[in-house]
């Protein structure tokens, strides 16, 4: 095992753990590899979301009440 790998204890719901073990066996991958990939994907999605928020930070905001009034004024409500 590489020195750059960190060990951690993770507690899974029993059914989720069984599903992960089956997936690991079916795909010939370790449970750690599957979990690492899933965590990477979740973190990448978070990073994409934060980038989208940053891109939209300068957009004007509208209150919920103003939105409803606008929709009603344009016959959408």
N, C-alpha and C. Protein backbone atom coordinates (compact mmCIF):
# COMPACT_ATOMS: atom_id res chain seq x y z
N UNK A 1 0.84 -1.17 0.00
CA UNK A 1 0.00 0.00 0.00
C UNK A 1 0.89 1.24 0.00
N UNK A 2 0.53 2.22 -0.77
CA UNK A 2 1.30 3.44 -0.90
C UNK A 2 1.22 4.27 0.38
N UNK A 3 2.29 5.02 0.68
CA UNK A 3 2.28 5.89 1.86
C UNK A 3 1.29 7.04 1.71
N UNK A 4 0.94 7.39 0.47
CA UNK A 4 0.02 8.50 0.27
C UNK A 4 -1.45 8.10 0.50
N UNK A 5 -1.68 6.81 0.69
CA UNK A 5 -3.05 6.33 0.95
C UNK A 5 -3.33 6.46 2.43
N UNK A 6 -4.50 7.00 2.76
CA UNK A 6 -4.91 7.15 4.16
C UNK A 6 -6.00 6.13 4.47
N UNK A 7 -5.93 5.57 5.63
CA UNK A 7 -6.90 4.57 6.07
C UNK A 7 -7.96 5.23 6.93
N UNK A 8 -9.20 4.82 6.75
CA UNK A 8 -10.30 5.36 7.54
C UNK A 8 -11.33 4.27 7.74
N UNK A 9 -12.08 4.39 8.82
CA UNK A 9 -13.17 3.46 9.08
C UNK A 9 -14.46 4.13 8.66
N UNK A 10 -15.22 3.43 7.84
CA UNK A 10 -16.51 3.94 7.38
C UNK A 10 -17.56 2.89 7.73
N UNK A 11 -18.67 3.34 8.30
CA UNK A 11 -19.75 2.44 8.66
C UNK A 11 -20.88 2.56 7.64
N UNK A 12 -21.20 1.46 6.99
CA UNK A 12 -22.24 1.43 5.97
C UNK A 12 -23.51 0.78 6.51
N UNK A 13 -24.62 1.22 5.99
CA UNK A 13 -25.88 0.51 6.19
C UNK A 13 -25.65 -0.91 5.67
N UNK A 14 -26.12 -1.95 6.36
CA UNK A 14 -25.85 -3.32 5.93
C UNK A 14 -26.27 -3.63 4.48
N UNK A 15 -27.41 -3.11 4.06
CA UNK A 15 -27.86 -3.37 2.68
C UNK A 15 -26.97 -2.65 1.67
N UNK A 16 -26.54 -1.43 2.00
CA UNK A 16 -25.64 -0.69 1.13
C UNK A 16 -24.30 -1.40 1.03
N UNK A 17 -23.82 -1.90 2.16
CA UNK A 17 -22.55 -2.63 2.16
C UNK A 17 -22.64 -3.89 1.30
N UNK A 18 -23.75 -4.60 1.41
CA UNK A 18 -23.94 -5.81 0.59
C UNK A 18 -23.96 -5.44 -0.89
N UNK A 19 -24.63 -4.35 -1.24
CA UNK A 19 -24.68 -3.92 -2.63
C UNK A 19 -23.30 -3.54 -3.13
N UNK A 20 -22.53 -2.84 -2.30
CA UNK A 20 -21.17 -2.46 -2.69
C UNK A 20 -20.27 -3.69 -2.88
N UNK A 21 -20.41 -4.66 -1.99
CA UNK A 21 -19.60 -5.88 -2.13
C UNK A 21 -19.95 -6.62 -3.41
N UNK A 22 -21.24 -6.69 -3.74
CA UNK A 22 -21.65 -7.34 -4.99
C UNK A 22 -21.12 -6.58 -6.19
N UNK A 23 -21.19 -5.26 -6.15
CA UNK A 23 -20.68 -4.46 -7.26
C UNK A 23 -19.17 -4.65 -7.40
N UNK A 24 -18.48 -4.67 -6.28
CA UNK A 24 -17.03 -4.87 -6.31
C UNK A 24 -16.68 -6.22 -6.95
N UNK A 25 -17.40 -7.25 -6.56
CA UNK A 25 -17.14 -8.58 -7.12
C UNK A 25 -17.49 -8.62 -8.60
N UNK A 26 -18.60 -8.01 -8.96
CA UNK A 26 -19.06 -8.03 -10.36
C UNK A 26 -18.12 -7.24 -11.28
N UNK A 27 -17.55 -6.15 -10.77
CA UNK A 27 -16.70 -5.29 -11.60
C UNK A 27 -15.21 -5.57 -11.41
N UNK A 28 -14.89 -6.53 -10.54
CA UNK A 28 -13.50 -6.88 -10.27
C UNK A 28 -12.71 -5.68 -9.76
N UNK A 29 -13.35 -4.90 -8.90
CA UNK A 29 -12.71 -3.73 -8.30
C UNK A 29 -12.84 -3.86 -6.79
N UNK A 30 -11.99 -3.16 -6.09
CA UNK A 30 -12.08 -3.19 -4.63
C UNK A 30 -13.18 -2.25 -4.16
N UNK A 31 -13.67 -2.53 -2.96
CA UNK A 31 -14.66 -1.66 -2.36
C UNK A 31 -14.07 -0.26 -2.19
N UNK A 32 -12.80 -0.18 -1.82
CA UNK A 32 -12.14 1.12 -1.66
C UNK A 32 -12.12 1.89 -2.97
N UNK A 33 -11.86 1.23 -4.08
CA UNK A 33 -11.82 1.91 -5.37
C UNK A 33 -13.20 2.47 -5.72
N UNK A 34 -14.23 1.69 -5.45
CA UNK A 34 -15.60 2.13 -5.74
C UNK A 34 -15.96 3.34 -4.88
N UNK A 35 -15.64 3.27 -3.60
CA UNK A 35 -15.96 4.37 -2.68
C UNK A 35 -15.14 5.61 -3.05
N UNK A 36 -13.86 5.45 -3.35
CA UNK A 36 -13.03 6.59 -3.75
C UNK A 36 -13.60 7.27 -5.00
N UNK A 37 -14.01 6.48 -5.98
CA UNK A 37 -14.59 7.05 -7.21
C UNK A 37 -15.88 7.80 -6.91
N UNK A 38 -16.71 7.25 -6.03
CA UNK A 38 -17.97 7.89 -5.68
C UNK A 38 -17.73 9.21 -4.94
N UNK A 39 -16.76 9.22 -4.04
CA UNK A 39 -16.44 10.45 -3.31
C UNK A 39 -15.87 11.50 -4.26
N UNK A 40 -14.98 11.07 -5.16
CA UNK A 40 -14.43 12.01 -6.17
C UNK A 40 -15.55 12.62 -7.00
N UNK A 41 -16.50 11.80 -7.44
CA UNK A 41 -17.61 12.29 -8.26
C UNK A 41 -18.46 13.29 -7.47
N UNK A 42 -18.71 13.00 -6.20
CA UNK A 42 -19.51 13.91 -5.37
C UNK A 42 -18.78 15.23 -5.16
N UNK A 43 -17.48 15.18 -4.92
CA UNK A 43 -16.71 16.41 -4.73
C UNK A 43 -16.62 17.21 -6.03
N UNK A 44 -16.49 16.53 -7.16
CA UNK A 44 -16.45 17.23 -8.45
C UNK A 44 -17.78 17.92 -8.72
N UNK A 45 -18.87 17.26 -8.36
CA UNK A 45 -20.20 17.86 -8.53
C UNK A 45 -20.33 19.11 -7.64
N UNK A 46 -19.83 19.02 -6.42
CA UNK A 46 -19.84 20.19 -5.53
C UNK A 46 -19.03 21.33 -6.13
N UNK A 47 -17.88 21.00 -6.70
CA UNK A 47 -17.03 22.02 -7.30
C UNK A 47 -17.74 22.67 -8.49
N UNK A 48 -18.41 21.88 -9.30
CA UNK A 48 -19.18 22.42 -10.43
C UNK A 48 -20.29 23.34 -9.94
N UNK A 49 -20.98 22.92 -8.86
CA UNK A 49 -22.06 23.75 -8.30
C UNK A 49 -21.51 25.08 -7.80
N UNK A 50 -20.38 25.04 -7.10
CA UNK A 50 -19.78 26.28 -6.59
C UNK A 50 -19.36 27.20 -7.73
N UNK A 51 -18.84 26.62 -8.81
CA UNK A 51 -18.45 27.43 -9.97
C UNK A 51 -19.68 28.07 -10.59
N UNK A 52 -20.78 27.34 -10.67
CA UNK A 52 -22.02 27.89 -11.23
C UNK A 52 -22.54 29.02 -10.36
N UNK A 53 -22.48 28.86 -9.04
CA UNK A 53 -22.90 29.92 -8.14
C UNK A 53 -22.04 31.16 -8.34
N UNK A 54 -20.75 30.95 -8.49
CA UNK A 54 -19.82 32.08 -8.68
C UNK A 54 -20.13 32.82 -9.98
N UNK A 55 -20.42 32.07 -11.04
CA UNK A 55 -20.75 32.68 -12.33
C UNK A 55 -22.02 33.52 -12.24
N UNK A 56 -22.94 33.12 -11.40
CA UNK A 56 -24.23 33.81 -11.31
C UNK A 56 -24.29 34.83 -10.18
N UNK A 57 -23.19 35.03 -9.47
CA UNK A 57 -23.18 35.91 -8.30
C UNK A 57 -23.59 37.35 -8.64
N UNK A 58 -23.27 37.80 -9.83
CA UNK A 58 -23.56 39.19 -10.21
C UNK A 58 -24.96 39.36 -10.79
N UNK A 59 -25.70 38.27 -10.97
CA UNK A 59 -27.04 38.39 -11.53
C UNK A 59 -27.96 39.10 -10.55
N UNK A 60 -28.89 39.88 -11.08
CA UNK A 60 -29.83 40.55 -10.17
C UNK A 60 -30.73 39.51 -9.49
N UNK A 61 -31.16 39.85 -8.28
CA UNK A 61 -32.05 38.95 -7.56
C UNK A 61 -33.48 39.49 -7.61
N UNK A 62 -34.42 38.60 -7.39
CA UNK A 62 -35.83 38.98 -7.40
C UNK A 62 -36.49 38.27 -6.22
N UNK A 63 -37.30 38.99 -5.48
CA UNK A 63 -37.99 38.37 -4.36
C UNK A 63 -39.05 37.41 -4.89
N UNK A 64 -39.46 36.51 -4.05
CA UNK A 64 -40.50 35.55 -4.43
C UNK A 64 -41.79 36.28 -4.77
N UNK A 65 -42.12 37.29 -3.97
CA UNK A 65 -43.34 38.07 -4.22
C UNK A 65 -43.26 38.77 -5.59
N UNK A 66 -42.11 39.33 -5.91
CA UNK A 66 -41.94 40.00 -7.21
C UNK A 66 -42.05 39.00 -8.35
N UNK A 67 -41.50 37.82 -8.14
CA UNK A 67 -41.59 36.78 -9.17
C UNK A 67 -43.04 36.40 -9.43
N UNK A 68 -43.79 36.18 -8.36
CA UNK A 68 -45.21 35.83 -8.51
C UNK A 68 -45.98 36.95 -9.22
N UNK A 69 -45.70 38.20 -8.83
CA UNK A 69 -46.37 39.33 -9.48
C UNK A 69 -46.03 39.40 -10.97
N UNK A 70 -44.77 39.13 -11.30
CA UNK A 70 -44.35 39.14 -12.71
C UNK A 70 -45.04 38.02 -13.49
N UNK A 71 -45.09 36.83 -12.91
CA UNK A 71 -45.76 35.72 -13.58
C UNK A 71 -47.25 36.03 -13.80
N UNK A 72 -47.86 36.60 -12.80
CA UNK A 72 -49.30 36.96 -12.92
C UNK A 72 -49.48 38.03 -13.98
N UNK A 73 -48.62 39.03 -14.00
CA UNK A 73 -48.72 40.13 -14.97
C UNK A 73 -48.57 39.62 -16.40
N UNK A 74 -47.85 38.54 -16.58
CA UNK A 74 -47.63 37.98 -17.92
C UNK A 74 -48.54 36.79 -18.22
N UNK A 75 -49.60 36.63 -17.40
CA UNK A 75 -50.59 35.60 -17.65
C UNK A 75 -50.11 34.16 -17.45
N UNK A 76 -49.09 34.00 -16.66
CA UNK A 76 -48.56 32.65 -16.43
C UNK A 76 -49.08 32.04 -15.14
N UNK A 77 -49.82 32.81 -14.38
CA UNK A 77 -50.46 32.30 -13.16
C UNK A 77 -51.94 32.55 -13.22
